[in-house]
Each structure stands twice: as structure tokens, then as C-alpha cells.
Amino acid sequence: MIFGPLPKHLPSIHIDNVLVPYVQKGKYLGAFARSTDADIFLATYLAQARKSRCAGAQLGSVSDCMGGLPLNHIFLLYKARVDPLLTFACEITPDICPPSLAHLEKVQRQILRCRLSLPKSSSLAPLFSETGIWPINFRRLSLCLRYLIFLCRLAPEQLAAAAYDDSCMLFQSRMPCWLSDVYAVTELLVPSLLPFVRGEVELESQDIQAFVEHAVSLHLTDTIQSSAKLGLVRSLRWRAVNGALGPPRDLFVPSLQPYLLIPLWRTVLVNNRTGKKWSVQW
């Protein structure tokens, strides 16, 4: 595959006297790549969005068949079955192209809104601040940066280490490369981690997690504090173990809130005259 402008004369590549044909699409480490798209990994985003949507529908079917599951169980299933599909190939495909990432963001929002019985027009920030689920762009960046730690610690003779060294040289020469994409996404979402991406400081995986979680919290806090629709969320207060009523939250760290653990009861009502059924939930 050739990426970018084609040369005037395509060279012929032979391996063991066998001509290697040029192709427009293929797989790289399990991810679909297409040289004719502006985002070469667009096909991967579309495929994973489709698979995630199916997994979300299956999650809803399981919950309905069991008469409704507690939200903490639903989110546990989400992390086990949906999250791996949404984060697939995030290590090799930094989300440098917002239109491609939007396909995954849309699916994540649809699944969370459906499980919370919220309309399409509901605010986005509470989907994450009240459930403990991270927005998919932050989640994918966190895993990508943890993969960067793995690359930094590889033995020099490893092929992945050699590829990383090449990316570092391209990055230092201000050329487009994998590391420059990681840098651009990190600058947008978690600027405090830029020294780590540049190789100026060393961090552990738990440090990466803490930095990204803090960035998620600041993003959600700014959104909720500035929204005219979320006054109730801003004013929620919780009682401590001793019964004292605490102040409203000033920082919205993503976590499953206590009120979402209240069990929901569902019953089916039947109209004796028409036989029509409908469900009531409270």
C-alpha cells in the first residue's frame, strides 16, 4: 500500500522473484487500513461502531429477558462486552480524525442513554459523571498512553522497539508519524501529559490513569457548571455515614452515584377490554 501522493512511476517490488501487487486496503495488526481514505483507519472505526452497536443491543436484550438488571450489573457487562469493542486498536490508531471517532462516540452515547432511559436530547456530561463510565475519547487515549509505556521499556532488539525509535526520529524531525498523532491527541485532552509523550519524564500505568481521570473530571465539571439544564445535578448532596449532609460536589469525578443503585420495579398492565399491554416502571 502507498499512502499519500503516488509517485509518477510506481516501483516494482519482488520477493523471491514474485511480483508483489499494490492494494488499496488491507489489515494492519488486525485493524483495517485503506490508502484512499483521508483517515486510513476509517474502516476500522466503522466496523467497531457496528459491532459495539450489536453488543449494546444484546446487553439490552439480556436485561429485558431478566426483568431488568441493576445498573451496576449493566455497567459491569458494558465494560466486559462493549468497552473492548469501542477501544479496539486504540494503541495503533490515535484518534487524530474527529469524524472517525464520532462514530464510536455516537454508539457509546446511544447505549448509555438507552440503559438510563434517557431521551436523545439529554445532556452528555451526566452520562459519565453519574455512571463512572469515561468518555470514549479519554478512555482510548489512556490505553494508548499505557501502550507507549510498554514500547519505551522494550528491549532494543524487539521489532516494536525499532518501529518506535523510527517514530521518535520522525517526531523530532517534525514529520507525520504515530508519535506525532499521540502528541496531538494528548495536547487536546490531557496537556499535562505532554512531557511524558516527549520522553522528558517517566510514568507508571497508574500515574497515566490518574492524570487522565483528573482531566475527565475537569472536563465534566466545566460542562456541568456552565450548563443551564443541570442545576439539579449541581445541587445534589449526599449524607455521610454519620448522617451529616455533605455539601454539593465541586468536582464531578466519574463514579456510579448512589441514587442509580435504587432498584427499579416493573409491572405489566393489561387492558381487559382490548387486551393491550404496557409496562410501568418505578
Protein backbone atom coordinates (compact mmCIF):
# COMPACT_ATOMS: atom_id res chain seq x y z
CA MET A 1 0.00 0.00 0.00
CA ILE A 2 1.15 3.54 -0.77
CA PHE A 3 -0.03 6.38 1.45
CA GLY A 4 -0.05 9.97 0.27
CA PRO A 5 0.61 11.22 -3.27
CA LEU A 6 1.52 8.46 -5.71
CA PRO A 7 4.93 8.63 -7.41
CA LYS A 8 4.96 9.20 -11.13
CA HIS A 9 6.44 5.77 -11.74
CA LEU A 10 5.48 3.02 -9.33
CA PRO A 11 8.45 0.80 -8.50
CA SER A 12 8.13 -2.96 -8.91
CA ILE A 13 8.64 -4.94 -5.72
CA HIS A 14 9.61 -8.61 -5.97
CA ILE A 15 10.03 -11.15 -3.18
CA ASP A 16 11.70 -14.39 -4.27
CA ASN A 17 11.11 -13.38 -7.91
CA VAL A 18 7.37 -12.99 -7.26
CA LEU A 19 5.80 -9.61 -8.04
CA VAL A 20 4.04 -8.08 -5.02
CA PRO A 21 0.83 -6.33 -6.16
CA TYR A 22 -0.27 -2.93 -4.90
CA VAL A 23 -3.57 -2.85 -2.97
CA GLN A 24 -5.84 -0.09 -1.65
CA LYS A 25 -6.96 -1.82 1.53
CA GLY A 26 -5.63 -4.40 3.94
CA LYS A 27 -5.17 -5.28 7.61
CA TYR A 28 -2.53 -3.94 9.95
CA LEU A 29 -2.33 -5.65 13.37
CA GLY A 30 -6.00 -6.61 12.98
CA ALA A 31 -7.10 -3.09 12.01
CA PHE A 32 -8.49 -2.32 8.56
CA ALA A 33 -6.50 0.28 6.62
CA ARG A 34 -7.41 1.92 3.30
CA SER A 35 -4.97 4.15 1.45
CA THR A 36 -7.72 6.00 -0.47
CA ASP A 37 -9.40 7.46 2.66
CA ALA A 38 -8.32 10.69 4.32
CA ASP A 39 -8.32 8.72 7.57
CA ILE A 40 -6.65 5.46 6.62
CA PHE A 41 -8.29 3.63 9.55
CA LEU A 42 -11.85 4.85 8.91
CA ALA A 43 -12.96 1.31 8.01
CA THR A 44 -11.83 0.12 11.46
CA TYR A 45 -13.88 2.80 13.23
CA LEU A 46 -16.95 1.88 11.18
CA ALA A 47 -16.53 -1.85 11.82
CA GLN A 48 -16.08 -1.38 15.58
CA ALA A 49 -19.03 1.00 15.79
CA ARG A 50 -21.21 -1.63 14.12
CA LYS A 51 -20.01 -4.39 16.44
CA SER A 52 -20.43 -2.16 19.52
CA ARG A 53 -23.99 -1.29 18.50
CA CYS A 54 -24.83 -5.01 18.25
CA ALA A 55 -23.22 -5.70 21.63
CA GLY A 56 -25.24 -2.86 23.17
CA ALA A 57 -28.45 -4.32 21.74
CA GLN A 58 -27.58 -7.73 23.17
CA LEU A 59 -26.96 -6.09 26.54
CA GLY A 60 -30.44 -4.59 26.42
CA SER A 61 -31.98 -7.91 25.42
CA VAL A 62 -30.33 -9.70 28.35
CA SER A 63 -31.59 -7.04 30.75
CA ASP A 64 -35.14 -7.20 29.36
CA CYS A 65 -35.23 -11.02 29.45
CA MET A 66 -34.24 -10.96 33.12
CA GLY A 67 -36.87 -8.39 34.03
CA GLY A 68 -34.32 -5.61 34.36
CA LEU A 69 -30.81 -5.68 35.82
CA PRO A 70 -29.35 -3.31 38.43
CA LEU A 71 -27.34 -0.57 36.76
CA ASN A 72 -24.11 -1.63 38.43
CA HIS A 73 -24.50 -5.06 36.80
CA ILE A 74 -25.35 -3.48 33.45
CA PHE A 75 -22.25 -1.29 33.56
CA LEU A 76 -20.15 -4.30 34.51
CA LEU A 77 -21.41 -6.09 31.40
CA TYR A 78 -20.77 -2.92 29.40
CA LYS A 79 -17.12 -2.90 30.49
CA ALA A 80 -16.77 -6.60 29.67
CA ARG A 81 -18.56 -6.71 26.29
CA VAL A 82 -18.86 -3.20 24.80
CA ASP A 83 -15.78 -1.34 26.01
CA PRO A 84 -13.30 -3.78 24.36
CA LEU A 85 -15.03 -3.18 21.01
CA LEU A 86 -15.02 0.60 21.39
CA THR A 87 -11.33 0.64 22.35
CA PHE A 88 -10.14 -1.91 19.78
CA ALA A 89 -6.89 -0.87 18.03
CA CYS A 90 -6.65 2.36 20.05
CA GLU A 91 -2.92 1.66 20.53
CA ILE A 92 -2.13 1.91 16.82
CA THR A 93 -4.85 4.36 15.76
CA PRO A 94 -4.65 7.57 17.83
CA ASP A 95 -7.91 9.48 17.36
CA ILE A 96 -6.48 12.24 15.23
CA CYS A 97 -9.56 12.42 12.98
CA PRO A 98 -12.69 13.63 14.88
CA PRO A 99 -15.23 12.47 12.23
CA SER A 100 -13.97 8.89 12.58
CA LEU A 101 -14.05 8.99 16.38
CA ALA A 102 -17.60 10.41 16.22
CA HIS A 103 -18.89 7.01 15.06
CA LEU A 104 -17.72 5.42 18.33
CA GLU A 105 -18.88 8.36 20.46
CA LYS A 106 -22.37 8.13 18.97
CA VAL A 107 -22.68 4.44 19.79
CA GLN A 108 -21.44 4.91 23.37
CA ARG A 109 -23.98 7.70 23.98
CA GLN A 110 -26.81 5.65 22.49
CA ILE A 111 -26.04 2.68 24.74
CA LEU A 112 -25.77 4.74 27.93
CA ARG A 113 -28.91 6.75 27.20
CA CYS A 114 -30.85 3.59 26.43
CA ARG A 115 -29.77 1.88 29.66
CA LEU A 116 -30.59 5.01 31.66
CA SER A 117 -33.93 5.52 29.86
CA LEU A 118 -32.93 9.00 28.72
CA PRO A 119 -34.03 10.76 25.52
CA LYS A 120 -31.71 11.60 22.63
CA SER A 121 -31.70 15.27 23.63
CA SER A 122 -30.41 14.65 27.17
CA SER A 123 -27.18 16.33 28.28
CA LEU A 124 -24.00 14.36 27.71
CA ALA A 125 -21.93 15.13 30.82
CA PRO A 126 -24.20 13.28 33.34
CA LEU A 127 -23.92 10.13 31.22
CA PHE A 128 -20.36 9.90 32.52
CA SER A 129 -20.26 11.83 35.80
CA GLU A 130 -23.14 9.78 37.24
CA THR A 131 -22.23 6.32 35.91
CA GLY A 132 -18.44 6.13 36.24
CA ILE A 133 -18.02 5.41 32.53
CA TRP A 134 -15.35 7.50 30.81
CA PRO A 135 -16.00 9.30 27.51
CA ILE A 136 -14.57 7.05 24.84
CA ASN A 137 -12.01 9.60 23.60
CA PHE A 138 -10.38 9.79 27.06
CA ARG A 139 -10.64 6.03 27.53
CA ARG A 140 -8.88 5.31 24.23
CA LEU A 141 -6.14 7.86 24.94
CA SER A 142 -5.49 6.31 28.36
CA LEU A 143 -4.91 2.87 26.82
CA CYS A 144 -2.78 4.35 24.06
CA LEU A 145 -0.50 6.11 26.56
CA ARG A 146 -0.16 2.93 28.58
CA TYR A 147 0.92 1.21 25.38
CA LEU A 148 3.52 3.94 24.97
CA ILE A 149 4.95 2.90 28.36
CA PHE A 150 5.19 -0.66 27.04
CA LEU A 151 7.08 0.50 23.93
CA CYS A 152 9.53 2.59 25.96
CA ARG A 153 10.52 -0.45 28.03
CA LEU A 154 11.04 -2.94 25.21
CA ALA A 155 14.45 -4.42 24.58
CA PRO A 156 16.25 -2.68 21.68
CA GLU A 157 16.28 -5.85 19.56
CA GLN A 158 12.47 -6.06 19.53
CA LEU A 159 10.83 -5.07 16.23
CA ALA A 160 8.26 -2.89 18.01
CA ALA A 161 11.14 -1.05 19.72
CA ALA A 162 12.78 -0.39 16.37
CA ALA A 163 9.47 0.92 14.97
CA TYR A 164 9.09 3.18 18.00
CA ASP A 165 12.62 4.54 17.53
CA ASP A 166 11.77 5.36 13.90
CA SER A 167 8.62 7.16 15.05
CA CYS A 168 10.68 9.16 17.57
CA MET A 169 13.10 10.24 14.85
CA LEU A 170 10.23 11.31 12.60
CA PHE A 171 8.63 13.18 15.51
CA GLN A 172 11.85 15.05 16.25
CA SER A 173 12.08 15.96 12.55
CA ARG A 174 8.51 17.32 12.71
CA MET A 175 7.28 14.69 10.28
CA PRO A 176 3.86 12.99 10.49
CA CYS A 177 4.07 9.72 12.41
CA TRP A 178 2.37 7.66 15.10
CA LEU A 179 4.02 9.58 17.93
CA SER A 180 3.02 12.95 16.46
CA ASP A 181 -0.60 11.75 16.39
CA VAL A 182 -0.35 10.65 20.03
CA TYR A 183 1.12 14.05 20.88
CA ALA A 184 -1.70 15.92 19.12
CA VAL A 185 -4.46 13.96 20.88
CA THR A 186 -2.72 14.29 24.26
CA GLU A 187 -2.34 18.06 23.76
CA LEU A 188 -6.08 18.30 23.11
CA LEU A 189 -7.32 16.15 26.01
CA VAL A 190 -4.60 15.89 28.70
CA PRO A 191 -1.95 18.60 28.14
CA SER A 192 -0.32 17.80 31.48
CA LEU A 193 0.97 14.55 29.98
CA LEU A 194 2.89 16.18 27.11
CA PRO A 195 6.28 15.91 28.92
CA PHE A 196 5.69 12.16 29.17
CA VAL A 197 4.92 11.85 25.44
CA ARG A 198 8.07 13.83 24.64
CA GLY A 199 10.09 11.40 26.76
CA GLU A 200 11.10 14.01 29.33
CA VAL A 201 9.59 12.16 32.32
CA GLU A 202 8.81 8.53 33.14
CA LEU A 203 5.42 7.46 34.46
CA GLU A 204 3.73 4.25 35.57
CA SER A 205 0.39 2.98 34.28
CA GLN A 206 -1.40 4.06 37.47
CA ASP A 207 0.00 7.57 37.03
CA ILE A 208 -1.38 7.73 33.49
CA GLN A 209 -4.75 6.61 34.83
CA ALA A 210 -4.73 9.32 37.50
CA PHE A 211 -3.76 12.10 35.05
CA VAL A 212 -6.45 11.13 32.54
CA GLU A 213 -9.12 10.71 35.25
CA HIS A 214 -8.34 14.19 36.54
CA ALA A 215 -8.67 15.58 33.00
CA VAL A 216 -12.01 13.81 32.58
CA SER A 217 -13.21 15.26 35.88
CA LEU A 218 -12.21 18.80 34.90
CA HIS A 219 -13.92 18.42 31.52
CA LEU A 220 -17.16 17.16 33.10
CA THR A 221 -17.04 19.78 35.86
CA ASP A 222 -16.65 22.66 33.40
CA THR A 223 -19.52 21.32 31.28
CA ILE A 224 -21.90 20.75 34.20
CA GLN A 225 -21.11 24.01 35.97
CA SER A 226 -21.73 26.02 32.81
CA SER A 227 -24.94 24.25 31.75
CA ALA A 228 -28.30 25.89 32.41
CA LYS A 229 -30.02 22.48 32.28
CA LEU A 230 -28.05 20.74 35.03
CA GLY A 231 -28.92 22.73 38.13
CA LEU A 232 -30.32 19.63 39.86
CA VAL A 233 -27.11 17.68 39.25
CA ARG A 234 -25.06 20.56 40.67
CA SER A 235 -27.21 20.74 43.82
CA LEU A 236 -27.24 17.03 44.73
CA ARG A 237 -25.97 16.35 48.25
CA TRP A 238 -25.19 13.06 49.98
CA ARG A 239 -25.28 12.03 53.62
CA ALA A 240 -22.15 10.69 55.26
CA VAL A 241 -22.07 7.51 57.33
CA ASN A 242 -22.80 9.52 60.48
CA GLY A 243 -25.88 11.05 58.83
CA ALA A 244 -24.39 14.51 58.24
CA LEU A 245 -25.46 16.12 54.98
CA GLY A 246 -22.46 16.98 52.86
CA PRO A 247 -22.04 19.94 50.51
CA PRO A 248 -22.77 19.72 46.76
CA ARG A 249 -20.00 18.35 44.59
CA ASP A 250 -17.46 20.88 43.38
CA LEU A 251 -15.60 18.33 41.23
CA PHE A 252 -17.53 15.79 39.17
CA VAL A 253 -15.31 12.72 39.24
CA PRO A 254 -16.85 9.90 37.14
CA SER A 255 -18.39 7.41 39.58
CA LEU A 256 -21.60 5.44 39.92
CA GLN A 257 -23.85 7.61 42.07
CA PRO A 258 -25.87 6.09 44.96
CA TYR A 259 -29.28 7.06 43.59
CA LEU A 260 -28.65 4.93 40.50
CA LEU A 261 -28.41 1.85 42.73
CA ILE A 262 -32.05 2.19 43.84
CA PRO A 263 -33.85 -0.86 42.39
CA LEU A 264 -36.43 -0.31 39.68
CA TRP A 265 -39.72 -2.18 39.78
CA ARG A 266 -41.55 -3.05 36.61
CA THR A 267 -45.01 -4.46 36.10
CA VAL A 268 -47.13 -5.19 33.06
CA LEU A 269 -50.66 -3.78 32.91
CA VAL A 270 -53.32 -5.33 30.69
CA ASN A 271 -56.47 -3.66 29.41
CA ASN A 272 -59.20 -6.28 30.00
CA ARG A 273 -61.34 -4.88 27.19
CA THR A 274 -58.76 -4.53 24.41
CA GLY A 275 -56.06 -6.88 25.67
CA LYS A 276 -53.43 -4.20 25.10
CA LYS A 277 -50.35 -4.46 27.32
CA TRP A 278 -47.94 -1.83 28.52
CA SER A 279 -45.24 -1.79 31.16
CA VAL A 280 -44.91 0.58 34.09
CA GLN A 281 -41.59 1.16 35.81
CA TRP A 282 -40.87 2.99 39.06
